[in-house]
Amino acid sequence: MDIFARMLAGGTIRMDDPEIPAMWAVVSRALRLSPALNAATDTSQVRALLSELTGRPIDASTRVFAPFHTNFGRHIVIGKNVFINHACTMLDLGGITIEDDVQIGPKVNLITENHPTDPAQRKTLLLGGVHLKRNAWIGAAATILPGVTVGENAVVAAGAVVHKDVAANTIVGGIPARIIKTIEAA
């Protein structure tokens, strides 16, 4: 498995990994593409530049408002009819999947990367993907941490910090996030 497949599989990537220069090359590419993305003046420009950054077409039904921040880009998958508000950050080394009909509020953080607490190992990457299932809604300034799946139709309240999976059809909030209530289907 190459470094990119290992990153998406989750787990540990050490900074002395012989393939780490390939990762840094993609990071450098994201840094080069980001200023144009964040200077875009309409959503079609943002979609085109985000498609280039991720290496996948962003559907015309999806709207992303700049600024948009990522450190990698290639491990982001965005579905149809998605809305991503201003100033979101997606650290996607471990992979981020956003299914159809997801809404993401302003200043949301989707984080797939962590580091060991042992100071001698601190520069090692601990990766875990983030998965937002169909019709999830992530409130303003919420943070979703590595390895978390937010279930279908779930709501993450503004400002929440989510460190474990969110069941479908539930609302979570707080730090750390906990279940507030179950959503009853209409």
Protein backbone atom coordinates (compact mmCIF):
# COMPACT_ATOMS: atom_id res chain seq x y z
CA MET A 1 0.00 0.00 0.00
CA ASP A 2 1.35 3.45 -0.87
CA ILE A 3 1.29 6.28 1.66
CA PHE A 4 -2.00 7.69 0.33
CA ALA A 5 -3.83 4.38 0.76
CA ARG A 6 -2.30 4.01 4.23
CA MET A 7 -3.45 7.52 5.14
CA LEU A 8 -7.02 6.72 4.10
CA ALA A 9 -6.90 3.41 5.99
CA GLY A 10 -6.20 5.36 9.19
CA GLY A 11 -3.62 4.72 11.84
CA THR A 12 -0.09 6.00 12.16
CA ILE A 13 2.18 7.77 9.68
CA ARG A 14 5.63 8.63 10.96
CA MET A 15 7.50 11.67 9.67
CA ASP A 16 10.46 9.43 8.77
CA ASP A 17 8.27 7.30 6.48
CA PRO A 18 10.17 6.96 3.17
CA GLU A 19 7.07 8.11 1.23
CA ILE A 20 6.45 11.26 3.30
CA PRO A 21 7.84 13.54 0.53
CA ALA A 22 4.89 12.48 -1.68
CA MET A 23 2.49 13.68 1.03
CA TRP A 24 4.33 17.01 1.37
CA ALA A 25 4.14 17.50 -2.40
CA VAL A 26 0.32 17.32 -2.25
CA VAL A 27 0.30 19.68 0.75
CA SER A 28 2.41 22.16 -1.27
CA ARG A 29 -0.01 21.88 -4.19
CA ALA A 30 -2.94 22.66 -1.87
CA LEU A 31 -1.10 25.71 -0.55
CA ARG A 32 -0.52 26.93 -4.14
CA LEU A 33 -4.16 26.43 -5.20
CA SER A 34 -5.81 27.87 -2.08
CA PRO A 35 -5.28 31.62 -2.73
CA ALA A 36 -7.13 31.44 -6.08
CA LEU A 37 -9.95 29.42 -4.50
CA ASN A 38 -10.32 31.97 -1.72
CA ALA A 39 -10.27 34.91 -4.16
CA ALA A 40 -13.11 33.43 -6.24
CA THR A 41 -16.04 35.79 -6.72
CA ASP A 42 -18.84 33.30 -7.45
CA THR A 43 -19.82 29.76 -6.52
CA SER A 44 -19.13 28.34 -9.98
CA GLN A 45 -15.51 29.54 -9.73
CA VAL A 46 -15.26 28.03 -6.25
CA ARG A 47 -16.63 24.70 -7.58
CA ALA A 48 -14.14 24.66 -10.47
CA LEU A 49 -11.16 25.42 -8.24
CA LEU A 50 -12.31 23.00 -5.55
CA SER A 51 -12.67 20.32 -8.23
CA GLU A 52 -9.05 20.94 -9.21
CA LEU A 53 -7.93 20.86 -5.57
CA THR A 54 -9.76 17.60 -4.76
CA GLY A 55 -9.13 15.95 -8.12
CA ARG A 56 -12.88 15.18 -8.47
CA PRO A 57 -15.73 17.12 -10.03
CA ILE A 58 -17.88 19.07 -7.59
CA ASP A 59 -21.52 18.77 -8.68
CA ALA A 60 -23.29 21.93 -9.88
CA SER A 61 -25.90 21.45 -7.13
CA THR A 62 -23.24 21.94 -4.44
CA ARG A 63 -22.40 25.39 -3.08
CA VAL A 64 -19.21 26.22 -1.21
CA PHE A 65 -18.57 29.74 0.10
CA ALA A 66 -15.02 31.04 0.35
CA PRO A 67 -12.88 31.22 2.28
CA PHE A 68 -12.34 27.48 2.41
CA HIS A 69 -9.27 25.98 4.06
CA THR A 70 -7.60 22.62 3.58
CA ASN A 71 -4.09 21.29 4.07
CA PHE A 72 -4.32 18.50 1.48
CA GLY A 73 -7.51 18.48 -0.60
CA ARG A 74 -7.06 15.18 -2.41
CA HIS A 75 -8.84 13.18 0.30
CA ILE A 76 -12.06 15.22 0.29
CA VAL A 77 -15.15 13.71 -1.39
CA ILE A 78 -18.22 15.96 -1.64
CA GLY A 79 -21.64 14.72 -2.74
CA LYS A 80 -24.53 16.46 -4.49
CA ASN A 81 -26.67 19.27 -3.11
CA VAL A 82 -24.16 20.02 -0.34
CA PHE A 83 -23.85 23.47 1.23
CA ILE A 84 -20.61 24.56 2.91
CA ASN A 85 -20.67 28.02 4.47
CA HIS A 86 -17.81 30.52 4.92
CA ALA A 87 -14.49 29.80 6.64
CA CYS A 88 -14.67 26.02 6.98
CA THR A 89 -11.47 24.09 7.59
CA MET A 90 -11.00 20.52 6.39
CA LEU A 91 -7.77 18.80 7.43
CA ASP A 92 -8.23 15.77 5.22
CA LEU A 93 -5.06 13.65 5.35
CA GLY A 94 -7.19 10.83 6.83
CA GLY A 95 -10.07 11.32 4.38
CA ILE A 96 -13.31 13.30 4.54
CA THR A 97 -16.52 12.03 2.91
CA ILE A 98 -19.50 14.37 2.71
CA GLU A 99 -22.58 12.61 1.35
CA ASP A 100 -25.49 14.21 -0.53
CA ASP A 101 -27.68 16.92 1.03
CA VAL A 102 -25.29 17.75 3.90
CA GLN A 103 -25.29 21.30 5.31
CA ILE A 104 -22.19 22.69 6.98
CA GLY A 105 -22.33 25.98 8.87
CA PRO A 106 -19.66 28.69 8.96
CA LYS A 107 -16.32 28.08 10.68
CA VAL A 108 -16.84 24.31 10.97
CA ASN A 109 -13.70 22.20 11.45
CA LEU A 110 -13.48 18.66 10.05
CA ILE A 111 -10.24 17.24 11.44
CA THR A 112 -8.81 13.84 10.44
CA GLU A 113 -5.40 14.29 12.05
CA ASN A 114 -4.07 14.01 15.58
CA HIS A 115 -0.72 13.39 17.28
CA PRO A 116 0.42 11.16 20.15
CA THR A 117 0.65 12.71 23.60
CA ASP A 118 4.14 11.17 24.08
CA PRO A 119 6.53 14.09 23.41
CA ALA A 120 9.04 11.78 21.71
CA GLN A 121 6.38 10.72 19.18
CA ARG A 122 4.53 14.05 18.87
CA LYS A 123 5.28 14.62 15.17
CA THR A 124 3.77 11.26 14.22
CA LEU A 125 0.38 11.53 12.52
CA LEU A 126 -2.59 9.60 13.91
CA LEU A 127 -5.20 9.55 11.15
CA GLY A 128 -8.91 8.72 11.16
CA GLY A 129 -11.44 9.65 8.51
CA VAL A 130 -14.51 11.84 9.00
CA HIS A 131 -17.77 10.77 7.34
CA LEU A 132 -20.87 12.98 7.18
CA LYS A 133 -23.82 10.88 6.08
CA ARG A 134 -26.76 11.99 3.95
CA ASN A 135 -28.70 15.04 5.14
CA ALA A 136 -26.52 15.68 8.20
CA TRP A 137 -26.37 19.27 9.44
CA ILE A 138 -23.24 20.59 11.14
CA GLY A 139 -23.85 23.85 13.04
CA ALA A 140 -21.61 26.91 13.06
CA ALA A 141 -18.14 26.51 14.59
CA ALA A 142 -18.61 22.82 15.41
CA THR A 143 -15.52 20.61 15.36
CA ILE A 144 -15.63 16.99 14.21
CA LEU A 145 -12.54 15.05 15.33
CA PRO A 146 -10.70 12.12 13.66
CA GLY A 147 -12.52 8.85 13.14
CA VAL A 148 -16.05 10.26 13.60
CA THR A 149 -19.09 9.37 11.51
CA VAL A 150 -22.12 11.66 11.75
CA GLY A 151 -25.21 9.62 10.91
CA GLU A 152 -27.96 10.27 8.38
CA ASN A 153 -30.22 13.23 9.28
CA ALA A 154 -28.20 13.93 12.44
CA VAL A 155 -27.63 17.48 13.70
CA VAL A 156 -24.47 18.70 15.42
CA ALA A 157 -25.24 21.87 17.40
CA ALA A 158 -23.20 25.03 16.92
CA GLY A 159 -19.93 25.01 18.83
CA ALA A 160 -20.02 21.28 19.63
CA VAL A 161 -16.85 19.19 19.75
CA VAL A 162 -17.62 15.71 18.47
CA HIS A 163 -15.15 12.96 19.43
CA LYS A 164 -17.32 9.88 18.86
CA ASP A 165 -19.85 8.72 16.28
CA VAL A 166 -23.25 10.42 16.12
CA ALA A 167 -26.21 8.10 15.55
CA ALA A 168 -28.63 8.76 12.71
CA ASN A 169 -31.61 10.99 13.53
CA THR A 170 -30.12 12.47 16.71
CA ILE A 171 -29.10 15.96 17.80
CA VAL A 172 -25.82 16.32 19.71
CA GLY A 173 -24.27 19.35 21.35
CA GLY A 174 -21.75 20.48 23.91
CA ILE A 175 -18.11 19.84 24.71
CA PRO A 176 -17.72 16.96 24.45
CA ALA A 177 -20.84 16.45 22.36
CA ARG A 178 -23.58 14.29 23.83
CA ILE A 179 -27.09 13.39 22.69
CA ILE A 180 -29.61 16.15 23.28
CA LYS A 181 -32.59 14.48 21.64
CA THR A 182 -33.79 12.11 18.96
CA ILE A 183 -35.31 13.52 15.77
CA GLU A 184 -38.82 12.27 15.09
CA ALA A 185 -39.57 11.80 11.39
CA ALA A 186 -42.38 14.00 10.07
